Full PDB file with SEQRES, HELIX, SHEET, SSBOND, CRYST1, ORIGX, SCALE, CONECT and MASTER records, all heavy atoms in Angstrom:
SEQRES   1 A   33  TYR VAL THR GLU LEU GLY GLY GLY ASP ASN GLU GLY ALA          
SEQRES   2 A   33  ILE GLU ARG LEU THR TYR ASN SER VAL SER GLN SER PHE          
SEQRES   3 A   33  ILE ARG GLY THR PRO VAL GLY                                  
SHEET    1 AA1 2 VAL A   2  THR A   3  0                                        
SHEET    2 AA1 2 ILE A  14  GLU A  15 -1                                        
SHEET    1 AA2 2 LEU A  17  ASN A  20  0                                        
SHEET    2 AA2 2 SER A  25  ARG A  28 -1                                        
CRYST1    1.000    1.000    1.000  90.00  90.00  90.00 P 1           1          
ORIGX1      1.000000  0.000000  0.000000        0.00000                         
ORIGX2      0.000000  1.000000  0.000000        0.00000                         
ORIGX3      0.000000  0.000000  1.000000        0.00000                         
SCALE1      1.000000  0.000000  0.000000        0.00000                         
SCALE2      0.000000  1.000000  0.000000        0.00000                         
SCALE3      0.000000  0.000000  1.000000        0.00000                         
ATOM      1  N   TYR A   1      12.849 -22.865   8.528  1.00  0.00           N  
ATOM      2  CA  TYR A   1      11.847 -22.036   7.878  1.00  0.00           C  
ATOM      3  C   TYR A   1      12.438 -20.675   7.535  1.00  0.00           C  
ATOM      4  O   TYR A   1      13.188 -20.096   8.313  1.00  0.00           O  
ATOM      5  CB  TYR A   1      10.623 -21.863   8.784  1.00  0.00           C  
ATOM      6  CG  TYR A   1      10.000 -23.183   9.151  1.00  0.00           C  
ATOM      7  CD1 TYR A   1      10.345 -23.832  10.332  1.00  0.00           C  
ATOM      8  CD2 TYR A   1       9.090 -23.800   8.304  1.00  0.00           C  
ATOM      9  CE1 TYR A   1       9.798 -25.054  10.671  1.00  0.00           C  
ATOM     10  CE2 TYR A   1       8.537 -25.029   8.631  1.00  0.00           C  
ATOM     11  CZ  TYR A   1       8.897 -25.650   9.810  1.00  0.00           C  
ATOM     12  OH  TYR A   1       8.363 -26.866  10.118  1.00  0.00           O  
ATOM     13  N   VAL A   2      12.055 -20.159   6.358  1.00  0.00           N  
ATOM     14  CA  VAL A   2      12.570 -18.885   5.870  1.00  0.00           C  
ATOM     15  C   VAL A   2      11.391 -18.069   5.353  1.00  0.00           C  
ATOM     16  O   VAL A   2      10.609 -18.552   4.536  1.00  0.00           O  
ATOM     17  CB  VAL A   2      13.589 -19.081   4.729  1.00  0.00           C  
ATOM     18  CG1 VAL A   2      14.193 -17.741   4.324  1.00  0.00           C  
ATOM     19  CG2 VAL A   2      14.673 -20.074   5.114  1.00  0.00           C  
ATOM     20  N   THR A   3      11.255 -16.813   5.796  1.00  0.00           N  
ATOM     21  CA  THR A   3      10.196 -15.956   5.279  1.00  0.00           C  
ATOM     22  C   THR A   3      10.638 -15.299   3.982  1.00  0.00           C  
ATOM     23  O   THR A   3      11.779 -14.870   3.845  1.00  0.00           O  
ATOM     24  CB  THR A   3       9.805 -14.867   6.289  1.00  0.00           C  
ATOM     25  OG1 THR A   3      10.919 -14.002   6.514  1.00  0.00           O  
ATOM     26  CG2 THR A   3       9.375 -15.469   7.608  1.00  0.00           C  
ATOM     27  N   GLU A   4       9.720 -15.241   3.022  1.00  0.00           N  
ATOM     28  CA  GLU A   4       9.979 -14.603   1.725  1.00  0.00           C  
ATOM     29  C   GLU A   4       9.312 -13.229   1.707  1.00  0.00           C  
ATOM     30  O   GLU A   4       8.092 -13.106   1.581  1.00  0.00           O  
ATOM     31  CB  GLU A   4       9.405 -15.463   0.595  1.00  0.00           C  
ATOM     32  CG  GLU A   4      10.186 -16.744   0.347  1.00  0.00           C  
ATOM     33  CD  GLU A   4      11.276 -16.553  -0.693  1.00  0.00           C  
ATOM     34  OE1 GLU A   4      11.866 -15.465  -0.747  1.00  0.00           O  
ATOM     35  OE2 GLU A   4      11.527 -17.501  -1.445  1.00  0.00           O  
ATOM     36  N   LEU A   5      10.112 -12.166   1.812  1.00  0.00           N  
ATOM     37  CA  LEU A   5       9.565 -10.811   1.816  1.00  0.00           C  
ATOM     38  C   LEU A   5       9.368 -10.254   0.418  1.00  0.00           C  
ATOM     39  O   LEU A   5       8.495  -9.421   0.184  1.00  0.00           O  
ATOM     40  CB  LEU A   5      10.506  -9.872   2.590  1.00  0.00           C  
ATOM     41  CG  LEU A   5      10.334  -9.799   4.102  1.00  0.00           C  
ATOM     42  CD1 LEU A   5      11.404  -8.896   4.691  1.00  0.00           C  
ATOM     43  CD2 LEU A   5       8.963  -9.267   4.459  1.00  0.00           C  
ATOM     44  N   GLY A   6      10.207 -10.659  -0.540  1.00  0.00           N  
ATOM     45  CA  GLY A   6      10.214 -10.030  -1.846  1.00  0.00           C  
ATOM     46  C   GLY A   6       9.148 -10.540  -2.784  1.00  0.00           C  
ATOM     47  O   GLY A   6       8.276 -11.328  -2.419  1.00  0.00           O  
ATOM     48  N   GLY A   7       9.231 -10.066  -4.033  1.00  0.00           N  
ATOM     49  CA  GLY A   7       8.275 -10.493  -5.044  1.00  0.00           C  
ATOM     50  C   GLY A   7       8.672 -11.812  -5.659  1.00  0.00           C  
ATOM     51  O   GLY A   7       9.477 -12.558  -5.119  1.00  0.00           O  
ATOM     52  N   GLY A   8       8.085 -12.111  -6.802  1.00  0.00           N  
ATOM     53  CA  GLY A   8       8.392 -13.378  -7.467  1.00  0.00           C  
ATOM     54  C   GLY A   8       7.328 -14.417  -7.233  1.00  0.00           C  
ATOM     55  O   GLY A   8       6.275 -14.157  -6.654  1.00  0.00           O  
ATOM     56  N   ASP A   9       7.625 -15.638  -7.675  1.00  0.00           N  
ATOM     57  CA  ASP A   9       6.634 -16.702  -7.630  1.00  0.00           C  
ATOM     58  C   ASP A   9       6.218 -17.061  -6.215  1.00  0.00           C  
ATOM     59  O   ASP A   9       5.083 -17.483  -5.980  1.00  0.00           O  
ATOM     60  CB  ASP A   9       7.176 -17.958  -8.327  1.00  0.00           C  
ATOM     61  CG  ASP A   9       7.387 -17.743  -9.811  1.00  0.00           C  
ATOM     62  OD1 ASP A   9       6.754 -16.822 -10.367  1.00  0.00           O  
ATOM     63  OD2 ASP A   9       8.187 -18.482 -10.411  1.00  0.00           O  
ATOM     64  N   ASN A  10       7.132 -16.921  -5.267  1.00  0.00           N  
ATOM     65  CA  ASN A  10       6.822 -17.340  -3.899  1.00  0.00           C  
ATOM     66  C   ASN A  10       6.699 -16.167  -2.941  1.00  0.00           C  
ATOM     67  O   ASN A  10       6.966 -16.297  -1.746  1.00  0.00           O  
ATOM     68  CB  ASN A  10       7.891 -18.316  -3.398  1.00  0.00           C  
ATOM     69  CG  ASN A  10       7.749 -19.680  -4.022  1.00  0.00           C  
ATOM     70  OD1 ASN A  10       6.643 -20.127  -4.296  1.00  0.00           O  
ATOM     71  ND2 ASN A  10       8.868 -20.333  -4.277  1.00  0.00           N  
ATOM     72  N   GLU A  11       6.296 -15.012  -3.442  1.00  0.00           N  
ATOM     73  CA  GLU A  11       6.099 -13.871  -2.551  1.00  0.00           C  
ATOM     74  C   GLU A  11       5.043 -14.219  -1.506  1.00  0.00           C  
ATOM     75  O   GLU A  11       3.980 -14.753  -1.818  1.00  0.00           O  
ATOM     76  CB  GLU A  11       5.644 -12.642  -3.337  1.00  0.00           C  
ATOM     77  CG  GLU A  11       5.435 -11.420  -2.456  1.00  0.00           C  
ATOM     78  CD  GLU A  11       5.046 -10.192  -3.260  1.00  0.00           C  
ATOM     79  OE1 GLU A  11       4.837 -10.328  -4.479  1.00  0.00           O  
ATOM     80  OE2 GLU A  11       4.959  -9.120  -2.657  1.00  0.00           O  
ATOM     81  N   GLY A  12       5.341 -13.928  -0.258  1.00  0.00           N  
ATOM     82  CA  GLY A  12       4.409 -14.229   0.818  1.00  0.00           C  
ATOM     83  C   GLY A  12       4.454 -15.666   1.285  1.00  0.00           C  
ATOM     84  O   GLY A  12       3.565 -16.125   1.985  1.00  0.00           O  
ATOM     85  N   ALA A  13       5.511 -16.397   0.918  1.00  0.00           N  
ATOM     86  CA  ALA A  13       5.614 -17.808   1.290  1.00  0.00           C  
ATOM     87  C   ALA A  13       6.555 -17.999   2.474  1.00  0.00           C  
ATOM     88  O   ALA A  13       7.411 -17.164   2.753  1.00  0.00           O  
ATOM     89  CB  ALA A  13       6.115 -18.640   0.106  1.00  0.00           C  
ATOM     90  N   ILE A  14       6.378 -19.121   3.138  1.00  0.00           N  
ATOM     91  CA  ILE A  14       7.344 -19.595   4.116  1.00  0.00           C  
ATOM     92  C   ILE A  14       8.056 -20.775   3.473  1.00  0.00           C  
ATOM     93  O   ILE A  14       7.456 -21.831   3.233  1.00  0.00           O  
ATOM     94  CB  ILE A  14       6.673 -20.035   5.429  1.00  0.00           C  
ATOM     95  CG1 ILE A  14       5.804 -18.908   5.992  1.00  0.00           C  
ATOM     96  CG2 ILE A  14       7.738 -20.465   6.436  1.00  0.00           C  
ATOM     97  CD1 ILE A  14       6.551 -17.642   6.313  1.00  0.00           C  
ATOM     98  N   GLU A  15       9.325 -20.579   3.149  1.00  0.00           N  
ATOM     99  CA  GLU A  15      10.110 -21.649   2.538  1.00  0.00           C  
ATOM    100  C   GLU A  15      10.522 -22.654   3.608  1.00  0.00           C  
ATOM    101  O   GLU A  15      10.717 -22.306   4.783  1.00  0.00           O  
ATOM    102  CB  GLU A  15      11.360 -21.083   1.867  1.00  0.00           C  
ATOM    103  CG  GLU A  15      11.077 -20.191   0.676  1.00  0.00           C  
ATOM    104  CD  GLU A  15      10.895 -20.989  -0.606  1.00  0.00           C  
ATOM    105  OE1 GLU A  15      10.937 -22.231  -0.548  1.00  0.00           O  
ATOM    106  OE2 GLU A  15      10.740 -20.350  -1.670  1.00  0.00           O  
ATOM    107  N   ARG A  16      10.699 -23.919   3.203  1.00  0.00           N  
ATOM    108  CA  ARG A  16      11.073 -24.981   4.119  1.00  0.00           C  
ATOM    109  C   ARG A  16      12.299 -25.714   3.571  1.00  0.00           C  
ATOM    110  O   ARG A  16      12.275 -26.223   2.459  1.00  0.00           O  
ATOM    111  CB  ARG A  16       9.909 -25.958   4.312  1.00  0.00           C  
ATOM    112  CG  ARG A  16       8.681 -25.313   4.910  1.00  0.00           C  
ATOM    113  CD  ARG A  16       7.410 -26.123   4.714  1.00  0.00           C  
ATOM    114  NE  ARG A  16       7.504 -27.424   5.357  1.00  0.00           N  
ATOM    115  CZ  ARG A  16       7.591 -28.579   4.708  1.00  0.00           C  
ATOM    116  NH1 ARG A  16       7.630 -28.600   3.382  1.00  0.00           N  
ATOM    117  NH2 ARG A  16       7.647 -29.715   5.370  1.00  0.00           N  
ATOM    118  N   LEU A  17      13.373 -25.722   4.340  1.00  0.00           N  
ATOM    119  CA  LEU A  17      14.560 -26.511   4.022  1.00  0.00           C  
ATOM    120  C   LEU A  17      14.567 -27.707   4.968  1.00  0.00           C  
ATOM    121  O   LEU A  17      14.683 -27.543   6.180  1.00  0.00           O  
ATOM    122  CB  LEU A  17      15.823 -25.676   4.201  1.00  0.00           C  
ATOM    123  CG  LEU A  17      15.957 -24.455   3.292  1.00  0.00           C  
ATOM    124  CD1 LEU A  17      17.156 -23.611   3.693  1.00  0.00           C  
ATOM    125  CD2 LEU A  17      16.068 -24.881   1.833  1.00  0.00           C  
ATOM    126  N   THR A  18      14.443 -28.893   4.411  1.00  0.00           N  
ATOM    127  CA  THR A  18      14.270 -30.102   5.217  1.00  0.00           C  
ATOM    128  C   THR A  18      15.476 -31.014   5.070  1.00  0.00           C  
ATOM    129  O   THR A  18      15.974 -31.220   3.963  1.00  0.00           O  
ATOM    130  CB  THR A  18      12.989 -30.848   4.792  1.00  0.00           C  
ATOM    131  OG1 THR A  18      11.867 -29.974   4.956  1.00  0.00           O  
ATOM    132  CG2 THR A  18      12.776 -32.082   5.651  1.00  0.00           C  
ATOM    133  N   TYR A  19      15.930 -31.540   6.189  1.00  0.00           N  
ATOM    134  CA  TYR A  19      17.113 -32.406   6.168  1.00  0.00           C  
ATOM    135  C   TYR A  19      16.782 -33.758   5.553  1.00  0.00           C  
ATOM    136  O   TYR A  19      15.789 -34.403   5.902  1.00  0.00           O  
ATOM    137  CB  TYR A  19      17.651 -32.602   7.577  1.00  0.00           C  
ATOM    138  CG  TYR A  19      18.977 -33.335   7.609  1.00  0.00           C  
ATOM    139  CD1 TYR A  19      20.154 -32.676   7.251  1.00  0.00           C  
ATOM    140  CD2 TYR A  19      19.055 -34.668   7.982  1.00  0.00           C  
ATOM    141  CE1 TYR A  19      21.374 -33.332   7.263  1.00  0.00           C  
ATOM    142  CE2 TYR A  19      20.269 -35.335   7.999  1.00  0.00           C  
ATOM    143  CZ  TYR A  19      21.419 -34.661   7.642  1.00  0.00           C  
ATOM    144  OH  TYR A  19      22.623 -35.321   7.654  1.00  0.00           O  
ATOM    145  N   ASN A  20      17.633 -34.186   4.607  1.00  0.00           N  
ATOM    146  CA  ASN A  20      17.476 -35.475   3.948  1.00  0.00           C  
ATOM    147  C   ASN A  20      18.579 -36.406   4.453  1.00  0.00           C  
ATOM    148  O   ASN A  20      19.766 -36.143   4.232  1.00  0.00           O  
ATOM    149  CB  ASN A  20      17.570 -35.297   2.422  1.00  0.00           C  
ATOM    150  CG  ASN A  20      17.319 -36.577   1.670  1.00  0.00           C  
ATOM    151  OD1 ASN A  20      18.086 -37.522   1.779  1.00  0.00           O  
ATOM    152  ND2 ASN A  20      16.245 -36.607   0.901  1.00  0.00           N  
ATOM    153  N   SER A  21      18.190 -37.460   5.137  1.00  0.00           N  
ATOM    154  CA  SER A  21      19.175 -38.345   5.761  1.00  0.00           C  
ATOM    155  C   SER A  21      19.975 -39.144   4.733  1.00  0.00           C  
ATOM    156  O   SER A  21      21.092 -39.581   5.015  1.00  0.00           O  
ATOM    157  CB  SER A  21      18.482 -39.308   6.732  1.00  0.00           C  
ATOM    158  OG  SER A  21      17.506 -40.082   6.056  1.00  0.00           O  
ATOM    159  N   VAL A  22      19.426 -39.340   3.542  1.00  0.00           N  
ATOM    160  CA  VAL A  22      20.136 -40.090   2.508  1.00  0.00           C  
ATOM    161  C   VAL A  22      21.282 -39.255   1.940  1.00  0.00           C  
ATOM    162  O   VAL A  22      22.431 -39.701   1.864  1.00  0.00           O  
ATOM    163  CB  VAL A  22      19.171 -40.524   1.385  1.00  0.00           C  
ATOM    164  CG1 VAL A  22      19.946 -41.226   0.274  1.00  0.00           C  
ATOM    165  CG2 VAL A  22      18.090 -41.442   1.945  1.00  0.00           C  
ATOM    166  N   SER A  23      20.978 -38.032   1.537  1.00  0.00           N  
ATOM    167  CA  SER A  23      22.010 -37.159   0.973  1.00  0.00           C  
ATOM    168  C   SER A  23      22.796 -36.433   2.055  1.00  0.00           C  
ATOM    169  O   SER A  23      23.818 -35.805   1.765  1.00  0.00           O  
ATOM    170  CB  SER A  23      21.371 -36.127   0.043  1.00  0.00           C  
ATOM    171  OG  SER A  23      20.493 -35.278   0.766  1.00  0.00           O  
ATOM    172  N   GLN A  24      22.295 -36.531   3.303  1.00  0.00           N  
ATOM    173  CA  GLN A  24      22.909 -35.839   4.445  1.00  0.00           C  
ATOM    174  C   GLN A  24      23.065 -34.348   4.156  1.00  0.00           C  
ATOM    175  O   GLN A  24      24.112 -33.739   4.387  1.00  0.00           O  
ATOM    176  CB  GLN A  24      24.257 -36.472   4.808  1.00  0.00           C  
ATOM    177  CG  GLN A  24      24.126 -37.901   5.302  1.00  0.00           C  
ATOM    178  CD  GLN A  24      25.433 -38.474   5.816  1.00  0.00           C  
ATOM    179  OE1 GLN A  24      26.508 -37.945   5.567  1.00  0.00           O  
ATOM    180  NE2 GLN A  24      25.347 -39.564   6.562  1.00  0.00           N  
ATOM    181  N   SER A  25      21.997 -33.772   3.639  1.00  0.00           N  
ATOM    182  CA  SER A  25      21.995 -32.354   3.324  1.00  0.00           C  
ATOM    183  C   SER A  25      20.567 -31.827   3.421  1.00  0.00           C  
ATOM    184  O   SER A  25      19.599 -32.599   3.470  1.00  0.00           O  
ATOM    185  CB  SER A  25      22.550 -32.106   1.920  1.00  0.00           C  
ATOM    186  OG  SER A  25      21.729 -32.737   0.952  1.00  0.00           O  
ATOM    187  N   PHE A  26      20.443 -30.519   3.439  1.00  0.00           N  
ATOM    188  CA  PHE A  26      19.125 -29.897   3.447  1.00  0.00           C  
ATOM    189  C   PHE A  26      18.665 -29.668   2.016  1.00  0.00           C  
ATOM    190  O   PHE A  26      19.427 -29.201   1.173  1.00  0.00           O  
ATOM    191  CB  PHE A  26      19.169 -28.561   4.197  1.00  0.00           C  
ATOM    192  CG  PHE A  26      19.189 -28.711   5.687  1.00  0.00           C  
ATOM    193  CD1 PHE A  26      20.389 -28.917   6.359  1.00  0.00           C  
ATOM    194  CD2 PHE A  26      18.020 -28.659   6.424  1.00  0.00           C  
ATOM    195  CE1 PHE A  26      20.422 -29.065   7.729  1.00  0.00           C  
ATOM    196  CE2 PHE A  26      18.039 -28.805   7.800  1.00  0.00           C  
ATOM    197  CZ  PHE A  26      19.233 -29.005   8.460  1.00  0.00           C  
ATOM    198  N   ILE A  27      17.404 -29.991   1.756  1.00  0.00           N  
ATOM    199  CA  ILE A  27      16.833 -29.780   0.437  1.00  0.00           C  
ATOM    200  C   ILE A  27      15.586 -28.908   0.574  1.00  0.00           C  
ATOM    201  O   ILE A  27      14.962 -28.848   1.626  1.00  0.00           O  
ATOM    202  CB  ILE A  27      16.472 -31.116  -0.253  1.00  0.00           C  
ATOM    203  CG1 ILE A  27      15.454 -31.903   0.581  1.00  0.00           C  
ATOM    204  CG2 ILE A  27      17.716 -31.958  -0.489  1.00  0.00           C  
ATOM    205  CD1 ILE A  27      14.951 -33.149  -0.097  1.00  0.00           C  
ATOM    206  N   ARG A  28      15.265 -28.237  -0.500  1.00  0.00           N  
ATOM    207  CA  ARG A  28      14.118 -27.336  -0.487  1.00  0.00           C  
ATOM    208  C   ARG A  28      12.827 -28.135  -0.527  1.00  0.00           C  
ATOM    209  O   ARG A  28      12.598 -28.937  -1.428  1.00  0.00           O  
ATOM    210  CB  ARG A  28      14.193 -26.398  -1.686  1.00  0.00           C  
ATOM    211  CG  ARG A  28      13.145 -25.309  -1.696  1.00  0.00           C  
ATOM    212  CD  ARG A  28      13.263 -24.518  -2.980  1.00  0.00           C  
ATOM    213  NE  ARG A  28      12.393 -23.363  -3.018  1.00  0.00           N  
ATOM    214  CZ  ARG A  28      12.200 -22.620  -4.089  1.00  0.00           C  
ATOM    215  NH1 ARG A  28      12.841 -22.927  -5.216  1.00  0.00           N  
ATOM    216  NH2 ARG A  28      11.389 -21.574  -4.063  1.00  0.00           N  
ATOM    217  N   GLY A  29      11.982 -27.911   0.470  1.00  0.00           N  
ATOM    218  CA  GLY A  29      10.689 -28.577   0.517  1.00  0.00           C  
ATOM    219  C   GLY A  29       9.597 -27.707  -0.091  1.00  0.00           C  
ATOM    220  O   GLY A  29       9.863 -26.638  -0.650  1.00  0.00           O  
ATOM    221  N   THR A  30       8.376 -28.170   0.010  1.00  0.00           N  
ATOM    222  CA  THR A  30       7.241 -27.424  -0.527  1.00  0.00           C  
ATOM    223  C   THR A  30       6.981 -26.194   0.336  1.00  0.00           C  
ATOM    224  O   THR A  30       6.807 -26.313   1.555  1.00  0.00           O  
ATOM    225  CB  THR A  30       5.977 -28.298  -0.544  1.00  0.00           C  
ATOM    226  OG1 THR A  30       6.233 -29.473  -1.318  1.00  0.00           O  
ATOM    227  CG2 THR A  30       4.808 -27.538  -1.139  1.00  0.00           C  
ATOM    228  N   PRO A  31       6.978 -24.992  -0.264  1.00  0.00           N  
ATOM    229  CA  PRO A  31       6.702 -23.794   0.543  1.00  0.00           C  
ATOM    230  C   PRO A  31       5.280 -23.815   1.092  1.00  0.00           C  
ATOM    231  O   PRO A  31       4.381 -24.436   0.523  1.00  0.00           O  
ATOM    232  CB  PRO A  31       6.891 -22.647  -0.455  1.00  0.00           C  
ATOM    233  CG  PRO A  31       7.662 -23.224  -1.595  1.00  0.00           C  
ATOM    234  CD  PRO A  31       7.273 -24.665  -1.661  1.00  0.00           C  
ATOM    235  N   VAL A  32       5.072 -23.157   2.203  1.00  0.00           N  
ATOM    236  CA  VAL A  32       3.733 -22.957   2.753  1.00  0.00           C  
ATOM    237  C   VAL A  32       3.285 -21.560   2.356  1.00  0.00           C  
ATOM    238  O   VAL A  32       3.999 -20.585   2.562  1.00  0.00           O  
ATOM    239  CB  VAL A  32       3.730 -23.106   4.287  1.00  0.00           C  
ATOM    240  CG1 VAL A  32       2.345 -22.815   4.857  1.00  0.00           C  
ATOM    241  CG2 VAL A  32       4.187 -24.496   4.669  1.00  0.00           C  
ATOM    242  N   GLY A  33       2.091 -21.473   1.763  1.00  0.00           N  
ATOM    243  CA  GLY A  33       1.627 -20.184   1.268  1.00  0.00           C  
ATOM    244  C   GLY A  33       2.353 -19.750   0.024  1.00  0.00           C  
ATOM    245  O   GLY A  33       2.644 -18.566  -0.161  1.00  0.00           O  
TER     246      GLY A  33                                                      
MASTER        0    0    0    0    4    0    0    6  245    1    0    3          
END                                                                             
């Protein structure tokens, strides 16, 4: 989880990077807020 302090489309959001077992990498998930 990453907090978004700045402006822009996702200001005030909690970003989510979720591990994908197929690609074996972290991908950006749907932000909360």
